[in-house]
C-alpha atoms as a PDB file:
ATOM      1  CA  MET A   1       6.370  11.722 -17.166  1.00  0.00           C
ATOM      2  CA  GLU A   2       4.035  14.703 -17.122  1.00  0.00           C
ATOM      3  CA  ILE A   3       0.423  14.011 -16.221  1.00  0.00           C
ATOM      4  CA  ILE A   4      -2.325  16.411 -17.264  1.00  0.00           C
ATOM      5  CA  LEU A   5      -5.513  15.787 -15.280  1.00  0.00           C
ATOM      6  CA  ILE A   6      -8.642  17.230 -16.892  1.00  0.00           C
ATOM      7  CA  ARG A   7     -12.176  17.235 -15.578  1.00  0.00           C
ATOM      8  CA  HIS A   8     -15.062  16.966 -18.035  1.00  0.00           C
ATOM      9  CA  GLY A   9     -17.183  19.997 -18.914  1.00  0.00           C
ATOM     10  CA  GLU A  10     -20.536  20.919 -17.419  1.00  0.00           C
ATOM     11  CA  SER A  11     -23.014  18.052 -17.702  1.00  0.00           C
ATOM     12  CA  GLU A  12     -26.791  17.853 -17.802  1.00  0.00           C
ATOM     13  CA  ALA A  13     -26.768  16.641 -14.186  1.00  0.00           C
ATOM     14  CA  ASP A  14     -25.490  20.082 -13.135  1.00  0.00           C
ATOM     15  CA  ILE A  15     -28.566  21.684 -14.705  1.00  0.00           C
ATOM     16  CA  LEU A  16     -30.983  19.081 -13.324  1.00  0.00           C
ATOM     17  CA  GLY A  17     -29.557  19.313  -9.783  1.00  0.00           C
ATOM     18  CA  VAL A  18     -29.036  15.587  -9.368  1.00  0.00           C
ATOM     19  CA  HIS A  19     -26.276  13.382  -7.987  1.00  0.00           C
ATOM     20  CA  GLU A  20     -24.050  12.270 -10.796  1.00  0.00           C
ATOM     21  CA  GLY A  21     -21.413   9.694  -9.876  1.00  0.00           C
ATOM     22  CA  ARG A  22     -22.239   6.689 -12.058  1.00  0.00           C
ATOM     23  CA  ALA A  23     -25.313   8.347 -13.594  1.00  0.00           C
ATOM     24  CA  ASP A  24     -24.383   8.773 -17.252  1.00  0.00           C
ATOM     25  CA  PHE A  25     -25.208  12.295 -18.450  1.00  0.00           C
ATOM     26  CA  SER A  26     -23.978  14.114 -21.561  1.00  0.00           C
ATOM     27  CA  LEU A  27     -22.397  17.557 -21.699  1.00  0.00           C
ATOM     28  CA  THR A  28     -24.541  20.694 -21.925  1.00  0.00           C
ATOM     29  CA  GLU A  29     -23.951  23.288 -24.664  1.00  0.00           C
ATOM     30  CA  LEU A  30     -21.972  25.311 -22.125  1.00  0.00           C
ATOM     31  CA  GLY A  31     -19.992  22.178 -21.305  1.00  0.00           C
ATOM     32  CA  LYS A  32     -19.161  21.673 -24.992  1.00  0.00           C
ATOM     33  CA  ASN A  33     -17.955  25.280 -25.251  1.00  0.00           C
ATOM     34  CA  GLN A  34     -15.827  24.841 -22.110  1.00  0.00           C
ATOM     35  CA  VAL A  35     -14.307  21.696 -23.618  1.00  0.00           C
ATOM     36  CA  ARG A  36     -13.423  23.392 -26.925  1.00  0.00           C
ATOM     37  CA  LEU A  37     -11.611  26.175 -25.074  1.00  0.00           C
ATOM     38  CA  MET A  38      -9.812  23.687 -22.822  1.00  0.00           C
ATOM     39  CA  ALA A  39      -8.743  21.517 -25.763  1.00  0.00           C
ATOM     40  CA  LYS A  40      -7.286  24.489 -27.652  1.00  0.00           C
ATOM     41  CA  ARG A  41      -5.344  25.525 -24.552  1.00  0.00           C
ATOM     42  CA  VAL A  42      -4.010  22.017 -23.964  1.00  0.00           C
ATOM     43  CA  LYS A  43      -2.904  21.716 -27.590  1.00  0.00           C
ATOM     44  CA  ARG A  44      -1.168  25.114 -27.456  1.00  0.00           C
ATOM     45  CA  ASN A  45       0.568  24.704 -24.080  1.00  0.00           C
ATOM     46  CA  PHE A  46       0.991  21.014 -23.197  1.00  0.00           C
ATOM     47  CA  SER A  47      -0.294  18.686 -25.887  1.00  0.00           C
ATOM     48  CA  PRO A  48      -0.239  15.069 -24.681  1.00  0.00           C
ATOM     49  CA  ASP A  49       1.227  12.016 -26.389  1.00  0.00           C
ATOM     50  CA  GLU A  50      -1.742   9.919 -25.273  1.00  0.00           C
ATOM     51  CA  ILE A  51      -5.149  10.480 -23.697  1.00  0.00           C
ATOM     52  CA  TRP A  52      -6.697   8.175 -21.091  1.00  0.00           C
ATOM     53  CA  CYS A  53     -10.400   8.547 -20.423  1.00  0.00           C
ATOM     54  CA  SER A  54     -13.295   7.352 -18.296  1.00  0.00           C
ATOM     55  CA  THR A  55     -16.053   5.534 -20.188  1.00  0.00           C
ATOM     56  CA  LEU A  56     -18.875   7.747 -18.862  1.00  0.00           C
ATOM     57  CA  LYS A  57     -20.458  10.025 -21.529  1.00  0.00           C
ATOM     58  CA  ARG A  58     -19.430  13.389 -20.080  1.00  0.00           C
ATOM     59  CA  ALA A  59     -15.772  12.344 -19.988  1.00  0.00           C
ATOM     60  CA  VAL A  60     -15.916  10.580 -23.370  1.00  0.00           C
ATOM     61  CA  GLU A  61     -17.393  13.688 -25.043  1.00  0.00           C
ATOM     62  CA  THR A  62     -14.662  15.802 -23.418  1.00  0.00           C
ATOM     63  CA  ALA A  63     -11.861  13.455 -24.490  1.00  0.00           C
ATOM     64  CA  GLU A  64     -13.216  13.126 -28.029  1.00  0.00           C
ATOM     65  CA  GLU A  65     -13.013  16.889 -28.530  1.00  0.00           C
ATOM     66  CA  LEU A  66      -9.516  16.948 -27.032  1.00  0.00           C
ATOM     67  CA  SER A  67      -8.514  14.095 -29.355  1.00  0.00           C
ATOM     68  CA  LYS A  68     -10.006  15.839 -32.387  1.00  0.00           C
ATOM     69  CA  ILE A  69      -8.121  19.084 -31.674  1.00  0.00           C
ATOM     70  CA  THR A  70      -4.790  17.494 -30.692  1.00  0.00           C
ATOM     71  CA  GLY A  71      -4.851  14.514 -33.051  1.00  0.00           C
ATOM     72  CA  VAL A  72      -4.009  12.217 -30.125  1.00  0.00           C
ATOM     73  CA  PRO A  73      -5.795   8.837 -29.752  1.00  0.00           C
ATOM     74  CA  ILE A  74      -7.846   7.904 -26.674  1.00  0.00           C
ATOM     75  CA  LEU A  75      -7.397   4.897 -24.395  1.00  0.00           C
ATOM     76  CA  PHE A  76     -10.646   4.193 -22.560  1.00  0.00           C
ATOM     77  CA  SER A  77     -10.737   2.667 -19.083  1.00  0.00           C
ATOM     78  CA  ASP A  78     -13.732   1.721 -16.931  1.00  0.00           C
ATOM     79  CA  ASP A  79     -11.391   2.120 -13.946  1.00  0.00           C
ATOM     80  CA  LEU A  80     -11.402   5.906 -14.500  1.00  0.00           C
ATOM     81  CA  ARG A  81     -15.175   6.140 -13.982  1.00  0.00           C
ATOM     82  CA  GLU A  82     -16.437   8.216 -11.065  1.00  0.00           C
ATOM     83  CA  LEU A  83     -17.152   6.725  -7.630  1.00  0.00           C
ATOM     84  CA  ASN A  84     -19.893   4.122  -7.819  1.00  0.00           C
ATOM     85  CA  ASN A  85     -22.448   5.952  -5.706  1.00  0.00           C
ATOM     86  CA  GLY A  86     -25.021   3.165  -6.093  1.00  0.00           C
ATOM     87  CA  ILE A  87     -28.641   4.092  -5.477  1.00  0.00           C
ATOM     88  CA  GLN A  88     -27.709   7.775  -5.123  1.00  0.00           C
ATOM     89  CA  ALA A  89     -26.818   8.087  -8.845  1.00  0.00           C
ATOM     90  CA  GLY A  90     -29.297  10.200 -10.798  1.00  0.00           C
ATOM     91  CA  LYS A  91     -31.419  11.084  -7.759  1.00  0.00           C
ATOM     92  CA  SER A  92     -32.210  14.717  -6.957  1.00  0.00           C
ATOM     93  CA  PHE A  93     -30.523  16.151  -3.876  1.00  0.00           C
ATOM     94  CA  ALA A  94     -33.932  16.184  -2.128  1.00  0.00           C
ATOM     95  CA  GLU A  95     -34.651  12.527  -3.025  1.00  0.00           C
ATOM     96  CA  ALA A  96     -31.216  11.460  -1.837  1.00  0.00           C
ATOM     97  CA  GLU A  97     -31.576  13.004   1.632  1.00  0.00           C
ATOM     98  CA  ASN A  98     -33.038   9.772   3.021  1.00  0.00           C
ATOM     99  CA  ILE A  99     -30.326   7.504   1.609  1.00  0.00           C
ATOM    100  CA  LYS A 100     -28.091   6.041   4.287  1.00  0.00           C
ATOM    101  CA  LEU A 101     -24.517   7.142   3.592  1.00  0.00           C
ATOM    102  CA  PRO A 102     -21.448   5.181   4.705  1.00  0.00           C
ATOM    103  CA  LYS A 103     -19.878   6.307   7.994  1.00  0.00           C
ATOM    104  CA  HIS A 104     -16.623   4.392   7.614  1.00  0.00           C
ATOM    105  CA  LEU A 105     -14.143   3.962   4.765  1.00  0.00           C
ATOM    106  CA  HIS A 106     -14.904   0.246   4.359  1.00  0.00           C
ATOM    107  CA  GLU A 107     -18.680   0.700   4.130  1.00  0.00           C
ATOM    108  CA  ARG A 108     -20.500   0.894   0.809  1.00  0.00           C
ATOM    109  CA  ILE A 109     -23.485   2.947  -0.166  1.00  0.00           C
ATOM    110  CA  GLU A 110     -26.243   0.536  -1.261  1.00  0.00           C
ATOM    111  CA  GLU A 111     -25.341  -0.942  -4.677  1.00  0.00           C
ATOM    112  CA  GLY A 112     -22.125   1.119  -4.718  1.00  0.00           C
ATOM    113  CA  GLU A 113     -18.491   0.897  -3.670  1.00  0.00           C
ATOM    114  CA  SER A 114     -16.620   1.895  -0.519  1.00  0.00           C
ATOM    115  CA  ALA A 115     -14.055   4.702  -0.265  1.00  0.00           C
ATOM    116  CA  ILE A 116     -11.346   2.044   0.097  1.00  0.00           C
ATOM    117  CA  GLU A 117     -12.498   0.201  -3.043  1.00  0.00           C
ATOM    118  CA  PHE A 118     -12.622   3.482  -4.979  1.00  0.00           C
ATOM    119  CA  ARG A 119      -9.098   4.442  -3.908  1.00  0.00           C
ATOM    120  CA  MET A 120      -7.713   0.995  -4.747  1.00  0.00           C
ATOM    121  CA  ARG A 121      -9.329   1.106  -8.184  1.00  0.00           C
ATOM    122  CA  ILE A 122      -7.708   4.483  -8.873  1.00  0.00           C
ATOM    123  CA  GLU A 123      -4.344   3.322  -7.451  1.00  0.00           C
ATOM    124  CA  MET A 124      -4.424   0.370  -9.874  1.00  0.00           C
ATOM    125  CA  VAL A 125      -5.142   2.408 -12.993  1.00  0.00           C
ATOM    126  CA  PHE A 126      -2.710   5.174 -11.962  1.00  0.00           C
ATOM    127  CA  SER A 127       0.070   2.619 -11.415  1.00  0.00           C
ATOM    128  CA  LYS A 128      -0.694   1.070 -14.807  1.00  0.00           C
ATOM    129  CA  ILE A 129      -0.506   4.445 -16.548  1.00  0.00           C
ATOM    130  CA  ILE A 130       2.745   5.625 -14.959  1.00  0.00           C
ATOM    131  CA  HIS A 131       4.548   2.274 -15.205  1.00  0.00           C
ATOM    132  CA  GLU A 132       3.346   0.927 -18.553  1.00  0.00           C
ATOM    133  CA  SER A 133       2.974   4.045 -20.685  1.00  0.00           C
ATOM    134  CA  LYS A 134       5.971   4.996 -22.826  1.00  0.00           C
ATOM    135  CA  SER A 135       4.663   8.546 -23.315  1.00  0.00           C
ATOM    136  CA  GLN A 136       6.371  11.674 -22.021  1.00  0.00           C
ATOM    137  CA  ARG A 137       3.059  13.443 -21.393  1.00  0.00           C
ATOM    138  CA  VAL A 138      -0.271  11.757 -20.648  1.00  0.00           C
ATOM    139  CA  ALA A 139      -3.669  13.441 -20.342  1.00  0.00           C
ATOM    140  CA  ILE A 140      -6.276  11.793 -18.111  1.00  0.00           C
ATOM    141  CA  VAL A 141      -9.867  12.949 -18.687  1.00  0.00           C
ATOM    142  CA  ALA A 142     -12.070  12.016 -15.775  1.00  0.00           C
ATOM    143  CA  HIS A 143     -14.270  13.265 -12.928  1.00  0.00           C
ATOM    144  CA  GLY A 144     -13.862  15.402  -9.813  1.00  0.00           C
ATOM    145  CA  GLY A 145     -13.757  12.455  -7.409  1.00  0.00           C
ATOM    146  CA  VAL A 146     -11.385  10.500  -9.630  1.00  0.00           C
ATOM    147  CA  ILE A 147      -9.068  13.494  -9.920  1.00  0.00           C
ATOM    148  CA  THR A 148      -9.033  13.887  -6.122  1.00  0.00           C
ATOM    149  CA  GLU A 149      -8.094  10.198  -5.786  1.00  0.00           C
ATOM    150  CA  LEU A 150      -5.421  10.470  -8.505  1.00  0.00           C
ATOM    151  CA  ILE A 151      -3.852  13.409  -6.661  1.00  0.00           C
ATOM    152  CA  ARG A 152      -4.047  11.508  -3.356  1.00  0.00           C
ATOM    153  CA  ALA A 153      -2.302   8.569  -5.056  1.00  0.00           C
ATOM    154  CA  PHE A 154       0.276  10.887  -6.659  1.00  0.00           C
ATOM    155  CA  LEU A 155       1.069  12.458  -3.255  1.00  0.00           C
ATOM    156  CA  ARG A 156       0.966   9.044  -1.549  1.00  0.00           C
ATOM    157  CA  LEU A 157      -1.597  10.316   0.946  1.00  0.00           C
ATOM    158  CA  PRO A 158      -3.315   7.828   3.256  1.00  0.00           C
ATOM    159  CA  ILE A 159      -6.752   6.464   2.478  1.00  0.00           C
ATOM    160  CA  SER A 160      -8.981   8.981   4.189  1.00  0.00           C
ATOM    161  CA  GLN A 161     -11.576  11.616   3.470  1.00  0.00           C
ATOM    162  CA  ASP A 162      -9.445  14.401   5.007  1.00  0.00           C
ATOM    163  CA  HIS A 163      -7.962  15.903   1.821  1.00  0.00           C
ATOM    164  CA  TRP A 164     -10.025  17.152  -1.120  1.00  0.00           C
ATOM    165  CA  PHE A 165      -8.804  18.762  -4.321  1.00  0.00           C
ATOM    166  CA  HIS A 166     -11.429  20.896  -6.021  1.00  0.00           C
ATOM    167  CA  THR A 167     -11.626  20.800  -9.803  1.00  0.00           C
ATOM    168  CA  GLY A 168     -13.990  23.073 -11.734  1.00  0.00           C
ATOM    169  CA  ASP A 169     -15.556  22.114 -15.062  1.00  0.00           C
ATOM    170  CA  THR A 170     -12.638  21.473 -17.496  1.00  0.00           C
ATOM    171  CA  GLY A 171     -10.170  22.329 -14.714  1.00  0.00           C
ATOM    172  CA  ILE A 172      -6.594  21.308 -15.519  1.00  0.00           C
ATOM    173  CA  HIS A 173      -3.894  20.024 -13.151  1.00  0.00           C
ATOM    174  CA  LYS A 174      -0.310  19.444 -14.253  1.00  0.00           C
ATOM    175  CA  LEU A 175       1.755  16.891 -12.308  1.00  0.00           C
ATOM    176  CA  GLU A 176       5.118  15.305 -13.005  1.00  0.00           C
ATOM    177  CA  VAL A 177       6.578  11.979 -11.928  1.00  0.00           C
ATOM    178  CA  LYS A 178      10.380  12.082 -11.884  1.00  0.00           C
ATOM    179  CA  GLU A 179      12.886   9.403 -10.866  1.00  0.00           C
ATOM    180  CA  THR A 180      13.221  10.593  -7.290  1.00  0.00           C
ATOM    181  CA  GLN A 181      10.424  13.124  -6.822  1.00  0.00           C
ATOM    182  CA  ARG A 182       6.888  14.098  -7.691  1.00  0.00           C
ATOM    183  CA  VAL A 183       6.150  17.682  -8.713  1.00  0.00           C
ATOM    184  CA  ILE A 184       2.886  19.657  -8.860  1.00  0.00           C
ATOM    185  CA  HIS A 185       3.244  22.387 -11.490  1.00  0.00           C
ATOM    186  CA  PHE A 186      -0.280  23.800 -11.046  1.00  0.00           C
ATOM    187  CA  MET A 187      -3.770  22.783  -9.956  1.00  0.00           C
ATOM    188  CA  ASN A 188      -7.344  23.504 -11.111  1.00  0.00           C
ATOM    189  CA  ASP A 189      -6.318  25.960 -13.823  1.00  0.00           C
ATOM    190  CA  LEU A 190      -9.415  27.480 -15.444  1.00  0.00           C
ATOM    191  CA  ASN A 191      -7.773  30.366 -17.345  1.00  0.00           C
ATOM    192  CA  HIS A 192      -9.103  29.021 -20.657  1.00  0.00           C
ATOM    193  CA  LEU A 193     -12.652  29.880 -19.515  1.00  0.00           C
ATOM    194  CA  GLU A 194     -12.029  33.610 -19.106  1.00  0.00           C
ATOM    195  CA  GLY A 195     -14.634  35.545 -21.023  1.00  0.00           C
ATOM    196  CA  LEU A 196     -16.957  32.551 -21.490  1.00  0.00           C
END
């Protein structure tokens, strides 16, 4: 199975300079343009058989455009939502400076989830997708943190905060799960945004 990981386009939170996470912002006009270019590229080069998507607006708007251009239906999953960053969500970076952040993997930010809970949530949905889907190629539209956790799960990395995988707005990663191996074809491809 090929897995196409796609991050949503630029959201209003990027313009406002606030923590996103579970805060539910829509795409900006630039974000919508990024998404159109990404969707055309995906259709041309690696159109999926099914699309999985987070239920947060910025991901939904991204997946809906991808679905419209490719003609592929969307399967929505709350488990693909970004890290639950609790009371930090929607706060400006200045406002959030006084929020006590977790020091250990098992600790939660107030009203949020721990790094271990986040990873386990992503492991569950990733396992469901790769073991229950009958598709040859699946697109997953989600968030930067979710994509990092999906790649950690794909590579069977330990639960830690030591490895990060950057994904730009509408960045694309192509992975493949084979019988006896896992292959990374490319990561954080943004070629569709050239000239934007």
